[in-house]
Amino acid sequence: MWRRPVPLRRSADSESVPLAGSSQQKSKASPLLSVGIVCVVAVVLIWYSYNGSAGGVFGSDKEALNLGEGVSCTLEVQRAIPILKKVYGDSMRKVLHVGPETCGVVSKLLKEEDTEAWGVEPYDLEEADNSCKSLVRKGIVRAADIKFPLPYRPKSFSLVIVSDALDYLSPKYLNKTLPDLARVSRDGLLVFSGYPGQQRAKISELAKFGRPAKLRSSSWWIRYFFQTGLEENEAAVKKFEQAAMKRSYKPSCQIFHLSS
């Protein structure tokens, strides 16, 4: 039975407060107003500091999740790896990651014990750093257009993780790509997708992605998975929720656990 990911709560922008007025009465009140503002700022800073130390969304991970002017679900994958190891166990032995900046995910996975990893970069690798180029030379990472079948045999990997890639595909190509990702996976498929309303790629990067990101709701994805014949991995969902709660982990992206 499908469960909908719980979206992150967003607080409404507070109304601006005038700091000074033309009347004498407002001038007299301005010192008190300044003191009030200082107190409010101090409380907010303490609250942010507390949540950061507790491992919440506002800690050091927040900086790691911002790519340019938008949220990166590929960086969210890196952040979630310790939890995914607990959830999937032996299924993390042979992992394929598909998405932009895949070299970062693959490099982190390769540092995990008893884990082999490969990556598919859906776009280009022209600006890759030396570490990424080394992975390409070794055949661990490759650039490939995911609109077409991946060059792997069925069930080549125990687990396939895709992030920041499906959001840029139209339904026409999504209908081909998603089943192909499931085809090369033996134990499961993980989809990391942005929440509707999140800001993603910068305008200057649209040429690279080919089209603006289409951030779909969880209900849209659930209907789509059902129509495609993909089922939710309920056991993995339950384990993930329990592990996330223990670590105070709050994902900045939607995460769908699918059975192959």
Protein backbone atom coordinates (compact mmCIF):
# COMPACT_ATOMS: atom_id res chain seq x y z
CA MET A 1 0.00 0.00 0.00
CA TRP A 2 1.44 3.36 -1.03
CA ARG A 3 2.37 5.96 1.53
CA ARG A 4 2.83 9.57 0.63
CA PRO A 5 6.09 11.25 1.67
CA VAL A 6 5.48 14.00 4.21
CA PRO A 7 6.53 17.34 2.67
CA LEU A 8 8.71 19.67 4.67
CA ARG A 9 6.85 22.41 6.45
CA ARG A 10 7.59 25.92 5.34
CA SER A 11 6.95 28.89 7.57
CA ALA A 12 5.23 31.90 6.08
CA ASP A 13 7.26 35.05 5.60
CA SER A 14 6.72 37.45 8.50
CA GLU A 15 5.51 40.93 7.69
CA SER A 16 8.11 43.66 7.78
CA VAL A 17 8.03 46.06 10.75
CA PRO A 18 8.68 49.77 10.18
CA LEU A 19 11.71 50.88 12.16
CA ALA A 20 10.96 54.56 12.28
CA GLY A 21 8.12 56.99 11.68
CA SER A 22 7.60 60.65 11.17
CA SER A 23 5.70 61.25 14.41
CA GLN A 24 7.31 62.07 17.76
CA GLN A 25 5.49 59.15 19.38
CA LYS A 26 7.12 56.62 17.03
CA SER A 27 10.55 58.18 17.64
CA LYS A 28 10.21 57.62 21.38
CA ALA A 29 9.18 54.02 20.82
CA SER A 30 12.07 53.22 18.51
CA PRO A 31 14.58 52.24 21.30
CA LEU A 32 12.11 49.70 22.66
CA LEU A 33 11.48 48.43 19.15
CA SER A 34 15.22 48.00 18.58
CA VAL A 35 15.57 46.02 21.81
CA GLY A 36 12.65 43.84 20.75
CA ILE A 37 14.22 43.13 17.37
CA VAL A 38 17.54 42.19 19.01
CA CYS A 39 15.74 39.75 21.34
CA VAL A 40 13.86 38.13 18.45
CA VAL A 41 17.06 37.73 16.43
CA ALA A 42 18.83 36.18 19.43
CA VAL A 43 16.02 33.65 19.94
CA VAL A 44 16.05 32.73 16.24
CA LEU A 45 19.85 32.24 16.25
CA ILE A 46 19.65 30.02 19.35
CA TRP A 47 16.87 27.96 17.73
CA TYR A 48 18.86 27.51 14.51
CA SER A 49 21.98 26.57 16.46
CA TYR A 50 20.08 23.98 18.51
CA ASN A 51 18.50 22.36 15.46
CA GLY A 52 21.84 22.29 13.68
CA SER A 53 23.56 20.46 16.55
CA ALA A 54 20.66 18.01 16.74
CA GLY A 55 21.22 16.91 13.17
CA GLY A 56 18.16 18.64 11.77
CA VAL A 57 17.70 20.27 8.41
CA PHE A 58 19.32 23.51 9.55
CA GLY A 59 22.72 22.04 10.42
CA SER A 60 25.82 21.85 8.27
CA ASP A 61 23.92 19.57 5.87
CA LYS A 62 21.88 22.52 4.68
CA GLU A 63 24.86 24.00 2.91
CA ALA A 64 25.62 20.61 1.37
CA LEU A 65 22.14 20.37 -0.09
CA ASN A 66 22.19 23.70 -1.92
CA LEU A 67 23.59 23.49 -5.43
CA GLY A 68 23.88 26.96 -6.91
CA GLU A 69 20.43 28.44 -6.33
CA GLY A 70 18.50 25.21 -5.87
CA VAL A 71 18.21 21.98 -3.91
CA SER A 72 20.25 19.00 -5.12
CA CYS A 73 18.74 15.54 -4.61
CA THR A 74 22.05 14.02 -5.72
CA LEU A 75 23.71 15.56 -2.66
CA GLU A 76 20.75 14.26 -0.65
CA VAL A 77 21.71 10.75 -1.79
CA GLN A 78 25.19 11.21 -0.32
CA ARG A 79 23.67 12.38 2.93
CA ALA A 80 21.34 9.36 3.06
CA ILE A 81 23.98 6.66 2.38
CA PRO A 82 24.51 5.66 6.07
CA ILE A 83 20.76 5.13 6.46
CA LEU A 84 20.46 3.29 3.14
CA LYS A 85 23.22 0.91 4.28
CA LYS A 86 21.18 0.01 7.35
CA VAL A 87 17.97 -0.39 5.35
CA TYR A 88 19.23 -2.37 2.37
CA GLY A 89 22.16 -4.28 3.89
CA ASP A 90 23.57 -6.74 1.34
CA SER A 91 21.62 -5.03 -1.44
CA MET A 92 24.13 -2.18 -1.18
CA ARG A 93 26.95 -4.42 -2.37
CA LYS A 94 26.57 -3.54 -6.04
CA VAL A 95 25.00 -0.13 -6.62
CA LEU A 96 24.33 1.92 -9.74
CA HIS A 97 23.69 5.63 -9.33
CA VAL A 98 22.08 7.59 -12.17
CA GLY A 99 22.06 11.36 -12.06
CA PRO A 100 24.08 14.56 -12.43
CA GLU A 101 27.22 14.86 -10.30
CA THR A 102 27.24 11.06 -10.04
CA CYS A 103 31.00 10.99 -9.41
CA GLY A 104 30.43 12.40 -5.93
CA VAL A 105 27.92 9.67 -5.06
CA VAL A 106 30.07 6.90 -6.53
CA SER A 107 33.19 8.13 -4.70
CA LYS A 108 31.35 8.11 -1.38
CA LEU A 109 29.83 4.66 -2.00
CA LEU A 110 33.24 3.21 -2.84
CA LYS A 111 34.49 4.29 0.59
CA GLU A 112 31.83 2.09 2.20
CA GLU A 113 32.87 -1.41 3.25
CA ASP A 114 31.86 -4.26 0.90
CA THR A 115 30.33 -1.88 -1.64
CA GLU A 116 30.94 -1.68 -5.37
CA ALA A 117 29.49 1.27 -7.23
CA TRP A 118 29.03 2.56 -10.75
CA GLY A 119 27.57 5.79 -12.08
CA VAL A 120 25.77 7.12 -15.12
CA GLU A 121 25.99 10.86 -15.84
CA PRO A 122 22.94 11.78 -17.97
CA TYR A 123 24.48 15.00 -19.24
CA ASP A 124 28.13 15.79 -19.90
CA LEU A 125 31.43 15.32 -18.11
CA GLU A 126 33.35 18.15 -19.75
CA GLU A 127 33.81 20.05 -16.48
CA ALA A 128 34.63 16.98 -14.39
CA ASP A 129 37.48 17.22 -11.89
CA ASN A 130 40.52 14.91 -11.93
CA SER A 131 38.94 12.48 -9.46
CA CYS A 132 35.86 12.13 -11.66
CA LYS A 133 37.95 11.75 -14.81
CA SER A 134 39.82 8.93 -13.09
CA LEU A 135 36.52 7.11 -12.46
CA VAL A 136 35.62 7.59 -16.13
CA ARG A 137 38.95 6.18 -17.31
CA LYS A 138 38.42 3.11 -15.12
CA GLY A 139 34.98 2.55 -16.64
CA ILE A 140 33.24 3.08 -13.30
CA VAL A 141 31.42 6.23 -14.44
CA ARG A 142 30.13 6.88 -17.93
CA ALA A 143 28.05 9.51 -19.68
CA ALA A 144 24.89 8.13 -21.28
CA ASP A 145 21.59 9.49 -22.52
CA ILE A 146 19.03 7.88 -20.20
CA LYS A 147 16.29 8.44 -22.77
CA PHE A 148 17.65 5.28 -24.40
CA PRO A 149 18.25 1.79 -22.91
CA LEU A 150 21.21 1.59 -20.53
CA PRO A 151 24.15 -0.55 -21.71
CA TYR A 152 23.73 -3.11 -18.94
CA ARG A 153 22.25 -6.59 -18.78
CA PRO A 154 19.07 -7.29 -16.74
CA LYS A 155 19.64 -7.39 -12.98
CA SER A 156 23.25 -6.22 -13.32
CA PHE A 157 23.03 -4.33 -10.02
CA SER A 158 21.57 -5.17 -6.64
CA LEU A 159 20.25 -1.62 -6.20
CA VAL A 160 19.71 1.30 -8.56
CA ILE A 161 19.47 4.87 -7.23
CA VAL A 162 18.33 7.74 -9.46
CA SER A 163 18.34 11.42 -8.48
CA ASP A 164 17.88 14.78 -10.23
CA ALA A 165 17.34 13.04 -13.57
CA LEU A 166 13.71 11.93 -13.88
CA ASP A 167 12.54 15.45 -12.97
CA TYR A 168 13.89 16.68 -16.30
CA LEU A 169 12.20 14.03 -18.45
CA SER A 170 8.86 14.46 -20.18
CA PRO A 171 6.32 11.62 -19.75
CA LYS A 172 7.22 10.43 -23.25
CA TYR A 173 10.76 9.56 -22.19
CA LEU A 174 9.90 8.77 -18.58
CA ASN A 175 7.78 5.87 -19.85
CA LYS A 176 10.95 4.34 -21.34
CA THR A 177 13.56 5.32 -18.76
CA LEU A 178 11.92 4.21 -15.51
CA PRO A 179 11.17 0.62 -16.63
CA ASP A 180 14.74 0.39 -17.95
CA LEU A 181 16.14 1.44 -14.57
CA ALA A 182 14.04 -1.28 -12.94
CA ARG A 183 15.26 -3.77 -15.56
CA VAL A 184 18.92 -3.49 -14.52
CA SER A 185 18.10 -3.74 -10.79
CA ARG A 186 17.77 -7.00 -8.88
CA ASP A 187 16.58 -5.95 -5.41
CA GLY A 188 15.11 -2.49 -5.81
CA LEU A 189 14.97 0.98 -7.29
CA LEU A 190 15.30 4.20 -5.27
CA VAL A 191 13.96 7.46 -6.71
CA PHE A 192 15.03 10.81 -5.23
CA SER A 193 12.80 13.59 -6.60
CA GLY A 194 12.34 17.25 -5.72
CA TYR A 195 9.29 18.61 -3.96
CA PRO A 196 6.95 20.83 -5.98
CA GLY A 197 7.87 24.47 -5.40
CA GLN A 198 11.55 23.82 -4.79
CA GLN A 199 13.99 25.85 -6.85
CA ARG A 200 16.31 23.66 -8.86
CA ALA A 201 18.76 24.40 -11.67
CA LYS A 202 19.90 27.94 -12.36
CA ILE A 203 18.81 29.56 -15.60
CA SER A 204 22.36 29.24 -16.93
CA GLU A 205 22.16 25.47 -16.46
CA LEU A 206 18.95 24.94 -18.44
CA ALA A 207 20.94 24.39 -21.62
CA LYS A 208 22.65 21.46 -19.90
CA PHE A 209 19.44 19.88 -18.64
CA GLY A 210 17.51 20.61 -21.83
CA ARG A 211 14.32 21.69 -20.05
CA PRO A 212 13.23 23.11 -16.69
CA ALA A 213 12.68 20.58 -13.93
CA LYS A 214 9.11 19.29 -13.65
CA LEU A 215 8.72 18.77 -9.92
CA ARG A 216 5.79 16.42 -9.45
CA SER A 217 3.76 15.73 -6.32
CA SER A 218 3.97 12.45 -4.41
CA SER A 219 0.41 11.58 -5.52
CA TRP A 220 1.45 12.02 -9.16
CA TRP A 221 4.44 9.72 -8.70
CA ILE A 222 2.39 7.11 -6.86
CA ARG A 223 -0.16 6.98 -9.67
CA TYR A 224 2.61 6.81 -12.22
CA PHE A 225 4.43 3.96 -10.46
CA PHE A 226 1.16 2.04 -10.23
CA GLN A 227 0.45 2.53 -13.94
CA THR A 228 3.99 1.44 -14.77
CA GLY A 229 3.63 -1.74 -12.73
CA LEU A 230 6.16 -0.76 -10.05
CA GLU A 231 5.25 -1.55 -6.45
CA GLU A 232 6.34 0.13 -3.26
CA ASN A 233 8.86 -1.79 -1.18
CA GLU A 234 6.91 -1.57 2.08
CA ALA A 235 9.57 -3.33 4.16
CA ALA A 236 12.23 -0.88 3.00
CA VAL A 237 9.93 2.09 3.63
CA LYS A 238 9.32 0.98 7.22
CA LYS A 239 13.03 0.37 7.91
CA PHE A 240 13.94 3.71 6.36
CA GLU A 241 11.42 5.60 8.50
CA GLN A 242 12.72 3.94 11.67
CA ALA A 243 16.37 4.59 10.83
CA ALA A 244 15.65 8.19 9.83
CA MET A 245 13.82 8.83 13.10
CA LYS A 246 16.75 7.52 15.16
CA ARG A 247 19.18 9.82 13.33
CA SER A 248 16.80 12.82 13.22
CA TYR A 249 17.18 12.67 9.44
CA LYS A 250 14.79 14.89 7.47
CA PRO A 251 15.18 14.48 3.70
CA SER A 252 14.98 17.58 1.53
CA CYS A 253 13.71 15.48 -1.37
CA GLN A 254 10.97 12.94 -1.91
CA ILE A 255 12.29 9.37 -1.62
CA PHE A 256 10.45 6.44 -3.17
CA HIS A 257 11.43 2.83 -2.44
CA LEU A 258 10.36 0.55 -5.29
CA SER A 259 10.56 -3.18 -5.83
CA SER A 260 12.11 -4.30 -9.10
